[in-house]
Amino acid sequence: MNQRMLDQLARQRVTEVRAEASSYRRPAATEREPRESLRERAGWTLIHAGLRLTDTAASRRAGGPRPASQ
């Protein structure tokens, strides 16, 4: 194939792809719902883990079943 024709076909295809891509509506950054930051999510995860640990420790002290001593 002629090099000039190959370049012309490539440019035409790029133009078609760009036109097709611009026809899709993407939500703008302002339209998205705000997300929690990584810091907030990590903080809440630590809080939940701490609550589970304290709940487990409290149930052991409350006189629940204990492992047999050796």
C-alpha atoms as a PDB file:
ATOM      1  CA  MET A   1       0.000   0.000   0.000  1.00  0.00           C
ATOM      2  CA  ASN A   2       1.181   3.511  -0.747  1.00  0.00           C
ATOM      3  CA  GLN A   3       2.659   5.260   2.340  1.00  0.00           C
ATOM      4  CA  ARG A   4       0.695   8.442   1.682  1.00  0.00           C
ATOM      5  CA  MET A   5      -2.547   6.492   1.425  1.00  0.00           C
ATOM      6  CA  LEU A   6      -1.757   4.608   4.637  1.00  0.00           C
ATOM      7  CA  ASP A   7      -1.195   7.898   6.487  1.00  0.00           C
ATOM      8  CA  GLN A   8      -4.436   9.295   5.095  1.00  0.00           C
ATOM      9  CA  LEU A   9      -6.393   6.206   6.191  1.00  0.00           C
ATOM     10  CA  ALA A  10      -4.851   6.404   9.664  1.00  0.00           C
ATOM     11  CA  ARG A  11      -5.822  10.083  10.017  1.00  0.00           C
ATOM     12  CA  GLN A  12      -9.328   9.312   8.802  1.00  0.00           C
ATOM     13  CA  ARG A  13      -9.717   6.509  11.324  1.00  0.00           C
ATOM     14  CA  VAL A  14      -8.445   8.703  14.164  1.00  0.00           C
ATOM     15  CA  THR A  15     -10.978  11.378  13.183  1.00  0.00           C
ATOM     16  CA  GLU A  16     -13.788   8.798  13.176  1.00  0.00           C
ATOM     17  CA  VAL A  17     -12.797   7.420  16.569  1.00  0.00           C
ATOM     18  CA  ARG A  18     -12.589  10.904  18.088  1.00  0.00           C
ATOM     19  CA  ALA A  19     -15.999  11.830  16.674  1.00  0.00           C
ATOM     20  CA  GLU A  20     -17.509   8.656  18.078  1.00  0.00           C
ATOM     21  CA  ALA A  21     -15.884   9.196  21.467  1.00  0.00           C
ATOM     22  CA  SER A  22     -17.117  12.780  21.692  1.00  0.00           C
ATOM     23  CA  SER A  23     -20.692  11.631  21.083  1.00  0.00           C
ATOM     24  CA  TYR A  24     -20.754   9.738  24.391  1.00  0.00           C
ATOM     25  CA  ARG A  25     -21.883  11.786  27.348  1.00  0.00           C
ATOM     26  CA  ARG A  26     -19.576  11.395  30.307  1.00  0.00           C
ATOM     27  CA  PRO A  27     -20.600  12.840  33.670  1.00  0.00           C
ATOM     28  CA  ALA A  28     -18.627  15.879  34.672  1.00  0.00           C
ATOM     29  CA  ALA A  29     -16.623  15.775  37.876  1.00  0.00           C
ATOM     30  CA  THR A  30     -19.109  18.170  39.492  1.00  0.00           C
ATOM     31  CA  GLU A  31     -22.027  15.816  38.773  1.00  0.00           C
ATOM     32  CA  ARG A  32     -20.505  12.868  40.584  1.00  0.00           C
ATOM     33  CA  GLU A  33     -21.345  12.109  44.168  1.00  0.00           C
ATOM     34  CA  PRO A  34     -18.563  13.061  46.546  1.00  0.00           C
ATOM     35  CA  ARG A  35     -16.577  10.075  47.755  1.00  0.00           C
ATOM     36  CA  GLU A  36     -15.045   9.525  51.114  1.00  0.00           C
ATOM     37  CA  SER A  37     -11.326   9.977  51.105  1.00  0.00           C
ATOM     38  CA  LEU A  38      -8.980   7.098  51.772  1.00  0.00           C
ATOM     39  CA  ARG A  39      -8.228   8.630  55.158  1.00  0.00           C
ATOM     40  CA  GLU A  40     -11.911   8.618  56.135  1.00  0.00           C
ATOM     41  CA  ARG A  41     -12.465   5.046  54.968  1.00  0.00           C
ATOM     42  CA  ALA A  42      -9.351   3.835  56.795  1.00  0.00           C
ATOM     43  CA  GLY A  43     -10.463   5.630  59.946  1.00  0.00           C
ATOM     44  CA  TRP A  44     -13.918   4.050  59.899  1.00  0.00           C
ATOM     45  CA  THR A  45     -12.393   0.641  59.200  1.00  0.00           C
ATOM     46  CA  LEU A  46     -10.164   1.002  62.257  1.00  0.00           C
ATOM     47  CA  ILE A  47     -13.123   2.094  64.373  1.00  0.00           C
ATOM     48  CA  HIS A  48     -15.169  -0.941  63.314  1.00  0.00           C
ATOM     49  CA  ALA A  49     -12.243  -3.283  63.945  1.00  0.00           C
ATOM     50  CA  GLY A  50     -11.716  -1.767  67.393  1.00  0.00           C
ATOM     51  CA  LEU A  51     -15.398  -2.163  68.238  1.00  0.00           C
ATOM     52  CA  ARG A  52     -15.298  -5.816  67.220  1.00  0.00           C
ATOM     53  CA  LEU A  53     -12.228  -6.395  69.373  1.00  0.00           C
ATOM     54  CA  THR A  54     -13.776  -4.742  72.431  1.00  0.00           C
ATOM     55  CA  ASP A  55     -17.014  -6.642  71.924  1.00  0.00           C
ATOM     56  CA  THR A  56     -15.094  -9.939  71.806  1.00  0.00           C
ATOM     57  CA  ALA A  57     -13.048  -9.064  74.907  1.00  0.00           C
ATOM     58  CA  ALA A  58     -16.166  -7.968  76.806  1.00  0.00           C
ATOM     59  CA  SER A  59     -18.016 -11.193  76.027  1.00  0.00           C
ATOM     60  CA  ARG A  60     -15.071 -13.251  77.322  1.00  0.00           C
ATOM     61  CA  ARG A  61     -15.041 -11.333  80.594  1.00  0.00           C
ATOM     62  CA  ALA A  62     -18.799 -11.674  80.946  1.00  0.00           C
ATOM     63  CA  GLY A  63     -18.502 -15.320  81.853  1.00  0.00           C
ATOM     64  CA  GLY A  64     -18.994 -16.949  78.517  1.00  0.00           C
ATOM     65  CA  PRO A  65     -17.613 -20.374  77.788  1.00  0.00           C
ATOM     66  CA  ARG A  66     -13.875 -20.582  78.373  1.00  0.00           C
ATOM     67  CA  PRO A  67     -11.384 -23.090  77.012  1.00  0.00           C
ATOM     68  CA  ALA A  68     -10.389 -25.870  79.395  1.00  0.00           C
ATOM     69  CA  SER A  69      -7.235 -25.074  81.353  1.00  0.00           C
ATOM     70  CA  GLN A  70      -4.323 -27.460  81.229  1.00  0.00           C
END
